Amino acid sequence: MANCSSLTAGYTTGCKDGISGVYRVYMNNYSGDTSYVYDTDGVVTGMTSGNTSFYKFEQRNETASFIQNGTHNIEIGNNFWTQELTLQFLKYQASQRNLIYSLAVSQLLIIVETNDGRRFLMGEEFGADLSASVSNAGKTLADPNTSDLTFMAKSTTPVREISSTLFNTFTLV
């Protein structure tokens, strides 16, 4: 029987100074031809791509979320991870309709920036896709007039952090 052990470290909780939530999101078209460079911790430090312009999607506080679920099948011995990003756009209108359609027909590479300043690369292996969208005009004057969008990506490893040095080389539109 093969020795498949790869555990090399434990985990410490650290200080209680963390902050949660999605601050901002950046999107680009996915290219399967892009290759990546990683440091020893698996952080993305380089990438080869002809298009390094990312479109910025700002969010109001506590309206966006980013979660990752791991699926680990003991019987057949495989693992994969699913990332899910939800965004909320305010005031549904024609330009938003066009943007949602564009996102729906595109395969995407997404950078999720959290409130603590970390950035994660979603769709690195197979791209990310818009998997659901709901636009709601509301019922009462106090109801939200929004579009809620859900993006999904799958990968063979957990989502990777992207280095600030690499991020700072991108053109943000």
C-alpha atoms as a PDB file:
ATOM      1  CA  MET A   1       0.000   0.000   0.000  1.00  0.00           C
ATOM      2  CA  ALA A   2       1.316   3.460  -0.940  1.00  0.00           C
ATOM      3  CA  ASN A   3       2.190   5.972   1.753  1.00  0.00           C
ATOM      4  CA  CYS A   4      -0.063   8.933   0.902  1.00  0.00           C
ATOM      5  CA  SER A   5       0.694  11.051   3.966  1.00  0.00           C
ATOM      6  CA  SER A   6       1.506  14.659   3.215  1.00  0.00           C
ATOM      7  CA  LEU A   7       0.690  16.395   6.514  1.00  0.00           C
ATOM      8  CA  THR A   8       3.641  18.637   7.346  1.00  0.00           C
ATOM      9  CA  ALA A   9       2.282  21.249   9.769  1.00  0.00           C
ATOM     10  CA  GLY A  10      -0.372  22.008  12.373  1.00  0.00           C
ATOM     11  CA  TYR A  11      -2.577  25.089  12.836  1.00  0.00           C
ATOM     12  CA  THR A  12      -2.532  27.888  15.395  1.00  0.00           C
ATOM     13  CA  THR A  13      -5.382  30.322  15.901  1.00  0.00           C
ATOM     14  CA  GLY A  14      -3.285  33.500  15.978  1.00  0.00           C
ATOM     15  CA  CYS A  15      -4.609  36.862  17.160  1.00  0.00           C
ATOM     16  CA  LYS A  16      -8.291  37.795  17.299  1.00  0.00           C
ATOM     17  CA  ASP A  17      -7.902  40.659  14.834  1.00  0.00           C
ATOM     18  CA  GLY A  18      -9.503  39.202  11.683  1.00  0.00           C
ATOM     19  CA  ILE A  19     -12.312  40.790   9.705  1.00  0.00           C
ATOM     20  CA  SER A  20     -14.646  39.012   7.320  1.00  0.00           C
ATOM     21  CA  GLY A  21     -16.505  39.906   4.172  1.00  0.00           C
ATOM     22  CA  VAL A  22     -15.965  40.726   0.503  1.00  0.00           C
ATOM     23  CA  TYR A  23     -14.656  44.227  -0.177  1.00  0.00           C
ATOM     24  CA  ARG A  24     -14.363  44.264  -3.951  1.00  0.00           C
ATOM     25  CA  VAL A  25     -14.253  41.890  -6.924  1.00  0.00           C
ATOM     26  CA  TYR A  26     -12.285  42.055 -10.176  1.00  0.00           C
ATOM     27  CA  MET A  27     -13.120  40.071 -13.317  1.00  0.00           C
ATOM     28  CA  ASN A  28     -11.365  39.240 -16.548  1.00  0.00           C
ATOM     29  CA  ASN A  29     -12.001  36.768 -19.351  1.00  0.00           C
ATOM     30  CA  TYR A  30     -10.647  33.302 -18.553  1.00  0.00           C
ATOM     31  CA  SER A  31      -7.991  31.800 -20.794  1.00  0.00           C
ATOM     32  CA  GLY A  32      -7.068  28.148 -20.486  1.00  0.00           C
ATOM     33  CA  ASP A  33      -3.650  29.062 -21.923  1.00  0.00           C
ATOM     34  CA  THR A  34      -2.638  31.070 -18.846  1.00  0.00           C
ATOM     35  CA  SER A  35       0.040  29.506 -16.662  1.00  0.00           C
ATOM     36  CA  TYR A  36       0.805  30.444 -13.063  1.00  0.00           C
ATOM     37  CA  VAL A  37       3.831  30.689 -10.779  1.00  0.00           C
ATOM     38  CA  TYR A  38       3.489  29.884  -7.060  1.00  0.00           C
ATOM     39  CA  ASP A  39       5.660  30.479  -4.009  1.00  0.00           C
ATOM     40  CA  THR A  40       6.329  27.725  -1.462  1.00  0.00           C
ATOM     41  CA  ASP A  41       2.987  28.444   0.287  1.00  0.00           C
ATOM     42  CA  GLY A  42       1.046  28.111  -2.974  1.00  0.00           C
ATOM     43  CA  VAL A  43       0.414  31.871  -3.306  1.00  0.00           C
ATOM     44  CA  VAL A  44       0.136  32.982  -6.946  1.00  0.00           C
ATOM     45  CA  THR A  45       3.143  35.232  -7.639  1.00  0.00           C
ATOM     46  CA  GLY A  46       3.136  35.275 -11.431  1.00  0.00           C
ATOM     47  CA  MET A  47       1.000  34.520 -14.444  1.00  0.00           C
ATOM     48  CA  THR A  48       1.402  34.516 -18.195  1.00  0.00           C
ATOM     49  CA  SER A  49      -1.563  36.125 -19.886  1.00  0.00           C
ATOM     50  CA  GLY A  50      -1.992  38.573 -22.724  1.00  0.00           C
ATOM     51  CA  ASN A  51      -4.831  40.347 -20.910  1.00  0.00           C
ATOM     52  CA  THR A  52      -4.022  41.746 -17.474  1.00  0.00           C
ATOM     53  CA  SER A  53      -6.904  44.237 -17.352  1.00  0.00           C
ATOM     54  CA  PHE A  54      -9.515  43.430 -14.735  1.00  0.00           C
ATOM     55  CA  TYR A  55     -12.912  45.095 -14.403  1.00  0.00           C
ATOM     56  CA  LYS A  56     -13.730  46.309 -10.897  1.00  0.00           C
ATOM     57  CA  PHE A  57     -17.051  45.428  -9.246  1.00  0.00           C
ATOM     58  CA  GLU A  58     -17.627  47.412  -6.073  1.00  0.00           C
ATOM     59  CA  GLN A  59     -20.006  46.158  -3.392  1.00  0.00           C
ATOM     60  CA  ARG A  60     -21.811  47.747  -0.465  1.00  0.00           C
ATOM     61  CA  ASN A  61     -20.791  46.462   2.951  1.00  0.00           C
ATOM     62  CA  GLU A  62     -22.159  43.033   3.807  1.00  0.00           C
ATOM     63  CA  THR A  63     -23.896  42.395   0.472  1.00  0.00           C
ATOM     64  CA  ALA A  64     -21.391  40.031  -1.190  1.00  0.00           C
ATOM     65  CA  SER A  65     -20.127  36.665  -0.005  1.00  0.00           C
ATOM     66  CA  PHE A  66     -17.441  34.180  -0.965  1.00  0.00           C
ATOM     67  CA  ILE A  67     -17.504  30.587   0.231  1.00  0.00           C
ATOM     68  CA  GLN A  68     -15.574  27.464  -0.629  1.00  0.00           C
ATOM     69  CA  ASN A  69     -16.802  23.925  -0.087  1.00  0.00           C
ATOM     70  CA  GLY A  70     -14.555  20.895  -0.275  1.00  0.00           C
ATOM     71  CA  THR A  71     -15.888  17.552  -1.454  1.00  0.00           C
ATOM     72  CA  HIS A  72     -13.823  14.581  -0.313  1.00  0.00           C
ATOM     73  CA  ASN A  73     -14.853  11.142  -1.505  1.00  0.00           C
ATOM     74  CA  ILE A  74     -13.235   8.545   0.736  1.00  0.00           C
ATOM     75  CA  GLU A  75     -14.486   5.551  -1.259  1.00  0.00           C
ATOM     76  CA  ILE A  76     -12.894   6.504  -4.573  1.00  0.00           C
ATOM     77  CA  GLY A  77     -10.151   8.723  -3.169  1.00  0.00           C
ATOM     78  CA  ASN A  78     -10.736  12.058  -4.854  1.00  0.00           C
ATOM     79  CA  ASN A  79     -11.108  15.657  -3.721  1.00  0.00           C
ATOM     80  CA  PHE A  80     -12.331  18.851  -5.334  1.00  0.00           C
ATOM     81  CA  TRP A  81     -13.399  22.293  -4.190  1.00  0.00           C
ATOM     82  CA  THR A  82     -16.279  24.497  -5.291  1.00  0.00           C
ATOM     83  CA  GLN A  83     -16.075  28.256  -4.894  1.00  0.00           C
ATOM     84  CA  GLU A  84     -19.230  30.364  -4.850  1.00  0.00           C
ATOM     85  CA  LEU A  85     -19.305  34.151  -5.075  1.00  0.00           C
ATOM     86  CA  THR A  86     -22.504  36.170  -4.677  1.00  0.00           C
ATOM     87  CA  LEU A  87     -22.717  39.829  -5.680  1.00  0.00           C
ATOM     88  CA  GLN A  88     -25.511  42.355  -5.480  1.00  0.00           C
ATOM     89  CA  PHE A  89     -26.044  45.148  -8.000  1.00  0.00           C
ATOM     90  CA  LEU A  90     -28.354  47.991  -7.020  1.00  0.00           C
ATOM     91  CA  LYS A  91     -31.059  49.628  -9.161  1.00  0.00           C
ATOM     92  CA  TYR A  92     -31.800  47.226 -12.010  1.00  0.00           C
ATOM     93  CA  GLN A  93     -31.663  49.083 -15.332  1.00  0.00           C
ATOM     94  CA  ALA A  94     -30.742  48.589 -19.013  1.00  0.00           C
ATOM     95  CA  SER A  95     -26.971  48.863 -18.514  1.00  0.00           C
ATOM     96  CA  GLN A  96     -27.169  46.266 -15.745  1.00  0.00           C
ATOM     97  CA  ARG A  97     -29.203  43.967 -17.956  1.00  0.00           C
ATOM     98  CA  ASN A  98     -26.476  44.165 -20.603  1.00  0.00           C
ATOM     99  CA  LEU A  99     -23.726  43.524 -18.055  1.00  0.00           C
ATOM    100  CA  ILE A 100     -25.540  40.499 -16.614  1.00  0.00           C
ATOM    101  CA  TYR A 101     -25.963  39.073 -20.110  1.00  0.00           C
ATOM    102  CA  SER A 102     -22.265  39.629 -20.847  1.00  0.00           C
ATOM    103  CA  LEU A 103     -21.292  37.865 -17.605  1.00  0.00           C
ATOM    104  CA  ALA A 104     -23.668  34.987 -18.386  1.00  0.00           C
ATOM    105  CA  VAL A 105     -22.106  34.215 -21.765  1.00  0.00           C
ATOM    106  CA  SER A 106     -18.485  34.604 -20.605  1.00  0.00           C
ATOM    107  CA  GLN A 107     -16.046  32.289 -18.895  1.00  0.00           C
ATOM    108  CA  LEU A 108     -14.333  34.338 -16.205  1.00  0.00           C
ATOM    109  CA  LEU A 109     -11.245  34.678 -14.046  1.00  0.00           C
ATOM    110  CA  ILE A 110     -12.236  36.385 -10.782  1.00  0.00           C
ATOM    111  CA  ILE A 111     -10.195  37.998  -8.028  1.00  0.00           C
ATOM    112  CA  VAL A 112     -12.061  38.292  -4.730  1.00  0.00           C
ATOM    113  CA  GLU A 113     -10.667  40.967  -2.386  1.00  0.00           C
ATOM    114  CA  THR A 114     -11.688  40.532   1.238  1.00  0.00           C
ATOM    115  CA  ASN A 115     -12.098  43.198   3.909  1.00  0.00           C
ATOM    116  CA  ASP A 116      -8.805  42.129   5.490  1.00  0.00           C
ATOM    117  CA  GLY A 117      -6.906  42.897   2.263  1.00  0.00           C
ATOM    118  CA  ARG A 118      -6.379  39.359   0.996  1.00  0.00           C
ATOM    119  CA  ARG A 119      -7.098  38.507  -2.621  1.00  0.00           C
ATOM    120  CA  PHE A 120      -8.141  35.079  -3.890  1.00  0.00           C
ATOM    121  CA  LEU A 121      -8.095  33.787  -7.474  1.00  0.00           C
ATOM    122  CA  MET A 122     -11.347  32.087  -8.440  1.00  0.00           C
ATOM    123  CA  GLY A 123     -11.538  30.093 -11.680  1.00  0.00           C
ATOM    124  CA  GLU A 124      -7.797  29.499 -11.973  1.00  0.00           C
ATOM    125  CA  GLU A 125      -8.082  25.950 -13.362  1.00  0.00           C
ATOM    126  CA  PHE A 126     -11.348  25.813 -15.316  1.00  0.00           C
ATOM    127  CA  GLY A 127     -12.728  29.356 -15.244  1.00  0.00           C
ATOM    128  CA  ALA A 128     -15.722  30.661 -13.338  1.00  0.00           C
ATOM    129  CA  ASP A 129     -19.276  31.008 -14.600  1.00  0.00           C
ATOM    130  CA  LEU A 130     -22.386  32.934 -13.706  1.00  0.00           C
ATOM    131  CA  SER A 131     -24.582  30.136 -12.357  1.00  0.00           C
ATOM    132  CA  ALA A 132     -27.650  32.102 -11.196  1.00  0.00           C
ATOM    133  CA  SER A 133     -29.102  35.602 -11.369  1.00  0.00           C
ATOM    134  CA  VAL A 134     -32.243  37.101  -9.888  1.00  0.00           C
ATOM    135  CA  SER A 135     -33.438  40.646 -10.547  1.00  0.00           C
ATOM    136  CA  ASN A 136     -36.059  42.017  -8.204  1.00  0.00           C
ATOM    137  CA  ALA A 137     -37.912  45.329  -8.528  1.00  0.00           C
ATOM    138  CA  GLY A 138     -39.415  44.856  -5.068  1.00  0.00           C
ATOM    139  CA  LYS A 139     -42.990  45.080  -3.868  1.00  0.00           C
ATOM    140  CA  THR A 140     -43.061  47.989  -1.427  1.00  0.00           C
ATOM    141  CA  LEU A 141     -41.171  51.279  -1.517  1.00  0.00           C
ATOM    142  CA  ALA A 142     -38.739  49.940   1.087  1.00  0.00           C
ATOM    143  CA  ASP A 143     -37.944  46.702  -0.769  1.00  0.00           C
ATOM    144  CA  PRO A 144     -34.620  46.270  -2.527  1.00  0.00           C
ATOM    145  CA  ASN A 145     -34.371  46.964  -6.246  1.00  0.00           C
ATOM    146  CA  THR A 146     -31.428  44.691  -6.972  1.00  0.00           C
ATOM    147  CA  SER A 147     -29.883  41.990  -9.071  1.00  0.00           C
ATOM    148  CA  ASP A 148     -28.285  39.145  -7.142  1.00  0.00           C
ATOM    149  CA  LEU A 149     -25.669  37.174  -9.066  1.00  0.00           C
ATOM    150  CA  THR A 150     -24.003  33.887  -8.156  1.00  0.00           C
ATOM    151  CA  PHE A 151     -20.739  32.756  -9.733  1.00  0.00           C
ATOM    152  CA  MET A 152     -19.309  29.260  -9.387  1.00  0.00           C
ATOM    153  CA  ALA A 153     -15.928  27.659 -10.041  1.00  0.00           C
ATOM    154  CA  LYS A 154     -14.494  24.215  -9.334  1.00  0.00           C
ATOM    155  CA  SER A 155     -10.871  23.269  -8.743  1.00  0.00           C
ATOM    156  CA  THR A 156      -8.697  20.324  -7.789  1.00  0.00           C
ATOM    157  CA  THR A 157      -7.085  22.342  -4.957  1.00  0.00           C
ATOM    158  CA  PRO A 158      -8.453  24.960  -2.542  1.00  0.00           C
ATOM    159  CA  VAL A 159      -8.639  28.512  -3.892  1.00  0.00           C
ATOM    160  CA  ARG A 160      -5.250  30.235  -3.975  1.00  0.00           C
ATOM    161  CA  GLU A 161      -4.299  33.620  -2.609  1.00  0.00           C
ATOM    162  CA  ILE A 162      -2.756  36.052  -5.100  1.00  0.00           C
ATOM    163  CA  SER A 163       0.264  38.146  -4.055  1.00  0.00           C
ATOM    164  CA  SER A 164      -0.033  41.916  -3.727  1.00  0.00           C
ATOM    165  CA  THR A 165       3.037  42.282  -5.945  1.00  0.00           C
ATOM    166  CA  LEU A 166       1.327  40.427  -8.794  1.00  0.00           C
ATOM    167  CA  PHE A 167      -2.014  42.163  -8.201  1.00  0.00           C
ATOM    168  CA  ASN A 168      -0.321  45.577  -8.444  1.00  0.00           C
ATOM    169  CA  THR A 169       0.834  44.774 -11.998  1.00  0.00           C
ATOM    170  CA  PHE A 170      -2.754  44.487 -13.253  1.00  0.00           C
ATOM    171  CA  THR A 171      -4.656  47.302 -14.948  1.00  0.00           C
ATOM    172  CA  LEU A 172      -7.914  47.920 -13.058  1.00  0.00           C
ATOM    173  CA  VAL A 173     -10.776  49.306 -15.141  1.00  0.00           C
END
